[in-house]
PDB file of N, CA and C in Angstrom:
ATOM      1  N   MET A   1       0.846  -1.171   0.000  1.00  0.00           N
ATOM      2  CA  MET A   1       0.000   0.000   0.000  1.00  0.00           C
ATOM      3  C   MET A   1       0.897   1.242   0.000  1.00  0.00           C
ATOM      4  N   GLU A   2       0.536   2.226  -0.788  1.00  0.00           N
ATOM      5  CA  GLU A   2       1.305   3.453  -0.917  1.00  0.00           C
ATOM      6  C   GLU A   2       1.124   4.314   0.331  1.00  0.00           C
ATOM      7  N   GLN A   3       2.227   4.863   0.822  1.00  0.00           N
ATOM      8  CA  GLN A   3       2.175   5.687   2.019  1.00  0.00           C
ATOM      9  C   GLN A   3       1.791   7.117   1.651  1.00  0.00           C
ATOM     10  N   ALA A   4       0.843   7.690   2.369  1.00  0.00           N
ATOM     11  CA  ALA A   4       0.376   9.052   2.100  1.00  0.00           C
ATOM     12  C   ALA A   4       1.401  10.070   2.582  1.00  0.00           C
ATOM     13  N   GLU A   5       1.452  11.188   1.885  1.00  0.00           N
ATOM     14  CA  GLU A   5       2.345  12.281   2.272  1.00  0.00           C
ATOM     15  C   GLU A   5       1.792  12.938   3.530  1.00  0.00           C
ATOM     16  N   LYS A   6       2.666  13.210   4.480  1.00  0.00           N
ATOM     17  CA  LYS A   6       2.241  13.847   5.719  1.00  0.00           C
ATOM     18  C   LYS A   6       2.155  15.355   5.516  1.00  0.00           C
ATOM     19  N   ILE A   7       1.147  15.945   6.087  1.00  0.00           N
ATOM     20  CA  ILE A   7       0.965  17.391   6.040  1.00  0.00           C
ATOM     21  C   ILE A   7       1.111  17.919   7.457  1.00  0.00           C
ATOM     22  N   VAL A   8       1.957  18.911   7.617  1.00  0.00           N
ATOM     23  CA  VAL A   8       2.179  19.534   8.914  1.00  0.00           C
ATOM     24  C   VAL A   8       1.587  20.932   8.876  1.00  0.00           C
ATOM     25  N   ILE A   9       0.751  21.249   9.835  1.00  0.00           N
ATOM     26  CA  ILE A   9       0.149  22.573   9.917  1.00  0.00           C
ATOM     27  C   ILE A   9       0.785  23.315  11.078  1.00  0.00           C
ATOM     28  N   ILE A  10       1.388  24.446  10.751  1.00  0.00           N
ATOM     29  CA  ILE A  10       2.034  25.270  11.759  1.00  0.00           C
ATOM     30  C   ILE A  10       1.342  26.636  11.744  1.00  0.00           C
ATOM     31  N   PRO A  11       0.731  27.031  12.849  1.00  0.00           N
ATOM     32  CA  PRO A  11       0.032  28.316  12.872  1.00  0.00           C
ATOM     33  C   PRO A  11       1.033  29.487  12.916  1.00  0.00           C
ATOM     34  N   ALA A  12       1.575  29.818  11.754  1.00  0.00           N
ATOM     35  CA  ALA A  12       2.601  30.857  11.668  1.00  0.00           C
ATOM     36  C   ALA A  12       1.973  32.185  11.262  1.00  0.00           C
ATOM     37  N   LYS A  13       2.600  33.256  11.683  1.00  0.00           N
ATOM     38  CA  LYS A  13       2.148  34.599  11.312  1.00  0.00           C
ATOM     39  C   LYS A  13       3.036  35.201  10.237  1.00  0.00           C
ATOM     40  N   THR A  14       4.181  34.565   9.979  1.00  0.00           N
ATOM     41  CA  THR A  14       5.071  35.002   8.915  1.00  0.00           C
ATOM     42  C   THR A  14       5.530  33.783   8.125  1.00  0.00           C
ATOM     43  N   MET A  15       6.028  34.053   6.919  1.00  0.00           N
ATOM     44  CA  MET A  15       6.508  32.979   6.056  1.00  0.00           C
ATOM     45  C   MET A  15       7.632  33.543   5.193  1.00  0.00           C
ATOM     46  N   PRO A  16       8.715  32.787   5.002  1.00  0.00           N
ATOM     47  CA  PRO A  16       9.763  33.261   4.092  1.00  0.00           C
ATOM     48  C   PRO A  16       9.161  33.541   2.712  1.00  0.00           C
ATOM     49  N   ILE A  17       9.640  34.593   2.080  1.00  0.00           N
ATOM     50  CA  ILE A  17       9.043  35.054   0.828  1.00  0.00           C
ATOM     51  C   ILE A  17       9.098  33.996  -0.270  1.00  0.00           C
ATOM     52  N   THR A  18      10.167  33.200  -0.330  1.00  0.00           N
ATOM     53  CA  THR A  18      10.245  32.165  -1.367  1.00  0.00           C
ATOM     54  C   THR A  18       9.211  31.063  -1.126  1.00  0.00           C
ATOM     55  N   LYS A  19       8.966  30.713   0.124  1.00  0.00           N
ATOM     56  CA  LYS A  19       7.946  29.708   0.451  1.00  0.00           C
ATOM     57  C   LYS A  19       6.555  30.256   0.138  1.00  0.00           C
ATOM     58  N   TYR A  20       6.328  31.531   0.429  1.00  0.00           N
ATOM     59  CA  TYR A  20       5.052  32.173   0.117  1.00  0.00           C
ATOM     60  C   TYR A  20       4.779  32.095  -1.386  1.00  0.00           C
ATOM     61  N   CYS A  21       5.793  32.421  -2.178  1.00  0.00           N
ATOM     62  CA  CYS A  21       5.652  32.357  -3.637  1.00  0.00           C
ATOM     63  C   CYS A  21       5.338  30.934  -4.095  1.00  0.00           C
ATOM     64  N   GLU A  22       6.022  29.965  -3.499  1.00  0.00           N
ATOM     65  CA  GLU A  22       5.802  28.560  -3.853  1.00  0.00           C
ATOM     66  C   GLU A  22       4.379  28.117  -3.513  1.00  0.00           C
ATOM     67  N   VAL A  23       3.927  28.449  -2.328  1.00  0.00           N
ATOM     68  CA  VAL A  23       2.602  28.013  -1.854  1.00  0.00           C
ATOM     69  C   VAL A  23       1.482  28.679  -2.651  1.00  0.00           C
ATOM     70  N   PHE A  24       1.641  29.978  -2.948  1.00  0.00           N
ATOM     71  CA  PHE A  24       0.568  30.724  -3.586  1.00  0.00           C
ATOM     72  C   PHE A  24       0.752  30.909  -5.086  1.00  0.00           C
ATOM     73  N   GLY A  25       1.791  30.295  -5.651  1.00  0.00           N
ATOM     74  CA  GLY A  25       1.976  30.317  -7.095  1.00  0.00           C
ATOM     75  C   GLY A  25       2.362  31.663  -7.666  1.00  0.00           C
ATOM     76  N   LEU A  26       3.075  32.455  -6.893  1.00  0.00           N
ATOM     77  CA  LEU A  26       3.535  33.765  -7.355  1.00  0.00           C
ATOM     78  C   LEU A  26       5.022  33.720  -7.653  1.00  0.00           C
ATOM     79  N   LYS A  27       5.485  34.726  -8.361  1.00  0.00           N
ATOM     80  CA  LYS A  27       6.910  34.883  -8.606  1.00  0.00           C
ATOM     81  C   LYS A  27       7.418  36.034  -7.753  1.00  0.00           C
ATOM     82  N   LEU A  28       8.685  35.974  -7.384  1.00  0.00           N
ATOM     83  CA  LEU A  28       9.287  37.021  -6.565  1.00  0.00           C
ATOM     84  C   LEU A  28       9.124  38.387  -7.236  1.00  0.00           C
ATOM     85  N   GLU A  29       9.191  38.422  -8.564  1.00  0.00           N
ATOM     86  CA  GLU A  29       9.034  39.681  -9.297  1.00  0.00           C
ATOM     87  C   GLU A  29       7.655  40.297  -9.050  1.00  0.00           C
ATOM     88  N   GLN A  30       6.634  39.457  -8.911  1.00  0.00           N
ATOM     89  CA  GLN A  30       5.290  39.959  -8.647  1.00  0.00           C
ATOM     90  C   GLN A  30       5.213  40.613  -7.265  1.00  0.00           C
ATOM     91  N   ILE A  31       5.861  40.004  -6.296  1.00  0.00           N
ATOM     92  CA  ILE A  31       5.887  40.584  -4.946  1.00  0.00           C
ATOM     93  C   ILE A  31       6.631  41.917  -4.974  1.00  0.00           C
ATOM     94  N   ASN A  32       7.778  41.933  -5.642  1.00  0.00           N
ATOM     95  CA  ASN A  32       8.560  43.169  -5.726  1.00  0.00           C
ATOM     96  C   ASN A  32       7.796  44.274  -6.449  1.00  0.00           C
ATOM     97  N   ARG A  33       7.012  43.928  -7.477  1.00  0.00           N
ATOM     98  CA  ARG A  33       6.189  44.923  -8.168  1.00  0.00           C
ATOM     99  C   ARG A  33       5.117  45.495  -7.239  1.00  0.00           C
ATOM    100  N   ARG A  34       4.538  44.646  -6.397  1.00  0.00           N
ATOM    101  CA  ARG A  34       3.545  45.138  -5.435  1.00  0.00           C
ATOM    102  C   ARG A  34       4.182  46.161  -4.495  1.00  0.00           C
ATOM    103  N   LEU A  35       5.419  45.904  -4.103  1.00  0.00           N
ATOM    104  CA  LEU A  35       6.132  46.850  -3.243  1.00  0.00           C
ATOM    105  C   LEU A  35       6.448  48.140  -3.994  1.00  0.00           C
ATOM    106  N   GLN A  36       6.941  48.028  -5.223  1.00  0.00           N
ATOM    107  CA  GLN A  36       7.297  49.207  -6.017  1.00  0.00           C
ATOM    108  C   GLN A  36       6.090  50.085  -6.300  1.00  0.00           C
ATOM    109  N   ARG A  37       4.950  49.490  -6.536  1.00  0.00           N
ATOM    110  CA  ARG A  37       3.730  50.244  -6.850  1.00  0.00           C
ATOM    111  C   ARG A  37       3.010  50.749  -5.606  1.00  0.00           C
ATOM    112  N   GLY A  38       3.491  50.366  -4.426  1.00  0.00           N
ATOM    113  CA  GLY A  38       2.864  50.817  -3.191  1.00  0.00           C
ATOM    114  C   GLY A  38       1.634  50.024  -2.805  1.00  0.00           C
ATOM    115  N   ILE A  39       1.418  48.890  -3.471  1.00  0.00           N
ATOM    116  CA  ILE A  39       0.274  48.036  -3.125  1.00  0.00           C
ATOM    117  C   ILE A  39       0.532  47.379  -1.771  1.00  0.00           C
ATOM    118  N   TRP A  40       1.741  46.886  -1.598  1.00  0.00           N
ATOM    119  CA  TRP A  40       2.208  46.372  -0.314  1.00  0.00           C
ATOM    120  C   TRP A  40       3.317  47.297   0.180  1.00  0.00           C
ATOM    121  N   GLN A  41       3.591  47.265   1.485  1.00  0.00           N
ATOM    122  CA  GLN A  41       4.609  48.129   2.077  1.00  0.00           C
ATOM    123  C   GLN A  41       5.656  47.310   2.817  1.00  0.00           C
ATOM    124  N   GLU A  42       6.913  47.783   2.702  1.00  0.00           N
ATOM    125  CA  GLU A  42       7.995  47.210   3.513  1.00  0.00           C
ATOM    126  C   GLU A  42       7.664  47.483   4.977  1.00  0.00           C
ATOM    127  N   ASN A  43       8.009  46.575   5.844  1.00  0.00           N
ATOM    128  CA  ASN A  43       7.780  46.657   7.291  1.00  0.00           C
ATOM    129  C   ASN A  43       6.303  46.601   7.677  1.00  0.00           C
ATOM    130  N   VAL A  44       5.447  46.308   6.708  1.00  0.00           N
ATOM    131  CA  VAL A  44       4.041  46.039   6.997  1.00  0.00           C
ATOM    132  C   VAL A  44       3.718  44.648   6.436  1.00  0.00           C
ATOM    133  N   HIS A  45       3.744  44.527   5.120  1.00  0.00           N
ATOM    134  CA  HIS A  45       3.449  43.250   4.465  1.00  0.00           C
ATOM    135  C   HIS A  45       4.707  42.404   4.298  1.00  0.00           C
ATOM    136  N   ILE A  46       5.829  43.056   4.030  1.00  0.00           N
ATOM    137  CA  ILE A  46       7.112  42.379   3.843  1.00  0.00           C
ATOM    138  C   ILE A  46       8.073  42.874   4.918  1.00  0.00           C
ATOM    139  N   LEU A  47       8.651  41.950   5.663  1.00  0.00           N
ATOM    140  CA  LEU A  47       9.511  42.298   6.801  1.00  0.00           C
ATOM    141  C   LEU A  47      10.954  41.916   6.530  1.00  0.00           C
ATOM    142  N   LYS A  48      11.866  42.814   6.880  1.00  0.00           N
ATOM    143  CA  LYS A  48      13.295  42.506   6.872  1.00  0.00           C
ATOM    144  C   LYS A  48      13.693  42.328   8.331  1.00  0.00           C
ATOM    145  N   VAL A  49      14.217  41.177   8.663  1.00  0.00           N
ATOM    146  CA  VAL A  49      14.529  40.844  10.047  1.00  0.00           C
ATOM    147  C   VAL A  49      16.034  40.633  10.182  1.00  0.00           C
ATOM    148  N   ASP A  50      16.645  41.286  11.172  1.00  0.00           N
ATOM    149  CA  ASP A  50      18.071  41.096  11.420  1.00  0.00           C
ATOM    150  C   ASP A  50      18.354  39.617  11.665  1.00  0.00           C
ATOM    151  N   GLY A  51      19.395  39.124  11.032  1.00  0.00           N
ATOM    152  CA  GLY A  51      19.784  37.729  11.201  1.00  0.00           C
ATOM    153  C   GLY A  51      19.124  36.779  10.211  1.00  0.00           C
ATOM    154  N   CYS A  52      18.133  37.264   9.450  1.00  0.00           N
ATOM    155  CA  CYS A  52      17.487  36.444   8.421  1.00  0.00           C
ATOM    156  C   CYS A  52      17.993  36.884   7.064  1.00  0.00           C
ATOM    157  N   LYS A  53      18.419  35.920   6.262  1.00  0.00           N
ATOM    158  CA  LYS A  53      18.910  36.276   4.935  1.00  0.00           C
ATOM    159  C   LYS A  53      17.770  36.504   3.951  1.00  0.00           C
ATOM    160  N   GLU A  54      16.574  36.104   4.334  1.00  0.00           N
ATOM    161  CA  GLU A  54      15.424  36.225   3.445  1.00  0.00           C
ATOM    162  C   GLU A  54      14.344  37.090   4.085  1.00  0.00           C
ATOM    163  N   ARG A  55      13.656  37.866   3.275  1.00  0.00           N
ATOM    164  CA  ARG A  55      12.540  38.668   3.775  1.00  0.00           C
ATOM    165  C   ARG A  55      11.369  37.748   4.125  1.00  0.00           C
ATOM    166  N   LEU A  56      10.531  38.210   5.022  1.00  0.00           N
ATOM    167  CA  LEU A  56       9.370  37.445   5.468  1.00  0.00           C
ATOM    168  C   LEU A  56       8.091  38.142   5.034  1.00  0.00           C
ATOM    169  N   VAL A  57       7.067  37.366   4.754  1.00  0.00           N
ATOM    170  CA  VAL A  57       5.741  37.892   4.450  1.00  0.00           C
ATOM    171  C   VAL A  57       4.928  37.828   5.732  1.00  0.00           C
ATOM    172  N   ASP A  58       4.327  38.951   6.115  1.00  0.00           N
ATOM    173  CA  ASP A  58       3.448  38.990   7.274  1.00  0.00           C
ATOM    174  C   ASP A  58       2.068  38.519   6.809  1.00  0.00           C
ATOM    175  N   LEU A  59       1.725  37.308   7.136  1.00  0.00           N
ATOM    176  CA  LEU A  59       0.492  36.688   6.644  1.00  0.00           C
ATOM    177  C   LEU A  59      -0.760  37.392   7.159  1.00  0.00           C
ATOM    178  N   GLU A  60      -0.710  37.904   8.377  1.00  0.00           N
ATOM    179  CA  GLU A  60      -1.873  38.611   8.917  1.00  0.00           C
ATOM    180  C   GLU A  60      -2.120  39.912   8.166  1.00  0.00           C
ATOM    181  N   GLU A  61      -1.055  40.644   7.845  1.00  0.00           N
ATOM    182  CA  GLU A  61      -1.203  41.901   7.105  1.00  0.00           C
ATOM    183  C   GLU A  61      -1.668  41.653   5.678  1.00  0.00           C
ATOM    184  N   VAL A  62      -1.153  40.602   5.055  1.00  0.00           N
ATOM    185  CA  VAL A  62      -1.585  40.269   3.700  1.00  0.00           C
ATOM    186  C   VAL A  62      -3.061  39.861   3.716  1.00  0.00           C
ATOM    187  N   ASP A  63      -3.481  39.124   4.724  1.00  0.00           N
ATOM    188  CA  ASP A  63      -4.886  38.745   4.855  1.00  0.00           C
ATOM    189  C   ASP A  63      -5.756  39.985   5.039  1.00  0.00           C
ATOM    190  N   ARG A  64      -5.310  40.924   5.876  1.00  0.00           N
ATOM    191  CA  ARG A  64      -6.044  42.177   6.091  1.00  0.00           C
ATOM    192  C   ARG A  64      -6.178  42.949   4.775  1.00  0.00           C
ATOM    193  N   TRP A  65      -5.056  43.012   4.014  1.00  0.00           N
ATOM    194  CA  TRP A  65      -5.049  43.701   2.716  1.00  0.00           C
ATOM    195  C   TRP A  65      -6.037  43.040   1.756  1.00  0.00           C
ATOM    196  N   ALA A  66      -6.018  41.709   1.683  1.00  0.00           N
ATOM    197  CA  ALA A  66      -6.889  40.986   0.760  1.00  0.00           C
ATOM    198  C   ALA A  66      -8.361  41.200   1.113  1.00  0.00           C
ATOM    199  N   ARG A  67      -8.674  41.169   2.398  1.00  0.00           N
ATOM    200  CA  ARG A  67     -10.065  41.345   2.816  1.00  0.00           C
ATOM    201  C   ARG A  67     -10.547  42.770   2.552  1.00  0.00           C
ATOM    202  N   LYS A  68      -9.658  43.738   2.704  1.00  0.00           N
ATOM    203  CA  LYS A  68     -10.011  45.131   2.474  1.00  0.00           C
ATOM    204  C   LYS A  68     -10.215  45.396   0.975  1.00  0.00           C
ATOM    205  N   ASN A  69      -9.495  44.666   0.127  1.00  0.00           N
ATOM    206  CA  ASN A  69      -9.520  44.921  -1.309  1.00  0.00           C
ATOM    207  C   ASN A  69     -10.293  43.878  -2.122  1.00  0.00           C
ATOM    208  N   LYS A  70     -11.061  43.060  -1.435  1.00  0.00           N
ATOM    209  CA  LYS A  70     -11.810  42.024  -2.173  1.00  0.00           C
ATOM    210  C   LYS A  70     -12.883  42.668  -3.048  1.00  0.00           C
ATOM    211  N   ILE A  71     -13.189  41.961  -4.124  1.00  0.00           N
ATOM    212  CA  ILE A  71     -14.215  42.442  -5.065  1.00  0.00           C
ATOM    213  C   ILE A  71     -15.564  41.901  -4.606  1.00  0.00           C
ATOM    214  N   HIS A  72     -16.515  42.793  -4.496  1.00  0.00           N
ATOM    215  CA  HIS A  72     -17.869  42.382  -4.105  1.00  0.00           C
ATOM    216  C   HIS A  72     -18.660  42.065  -5.360  1.00  0.00           C
ATOM    217  N   VAL A  73     -19.047  40.816  -5.517  1.00  0.00           N
ATOM    218  CA  VAL A  73     -19.798  40.383  -6.686  1.00  0.00           C
ATOM    219  C   VAL A  73     -21.263  40.274  -6.302  1.00  0.00           C
ATOM    220  N   VAL A  74     -22.103  40.862  -7.130  1.00  0.00           N
ATOM    221  CA  VAL A  74     -23.543  40.830  -6.868  1.00  0.00           C
ATOM    222  C   VAL A  74     -24.211  39.846  -7.783  1.00  0.00           C
TER     223      VAL A  74
END
């Protein structure tokens, strides 16, 4: 019998930007464009943390942004 892949759920509030892109099917260039256009903000949606070589995505802030900007379909 084939063994099923294990799924681990970790209630995290941040995620490394490369993992975020992988999970949500985005490219790093798309994230950087959101920052350049002012759609997302450094130190709000994207965090630079001392000692981390990679930027982090603040999942709570991104969720807040998505809920605020959702399209209402009638």
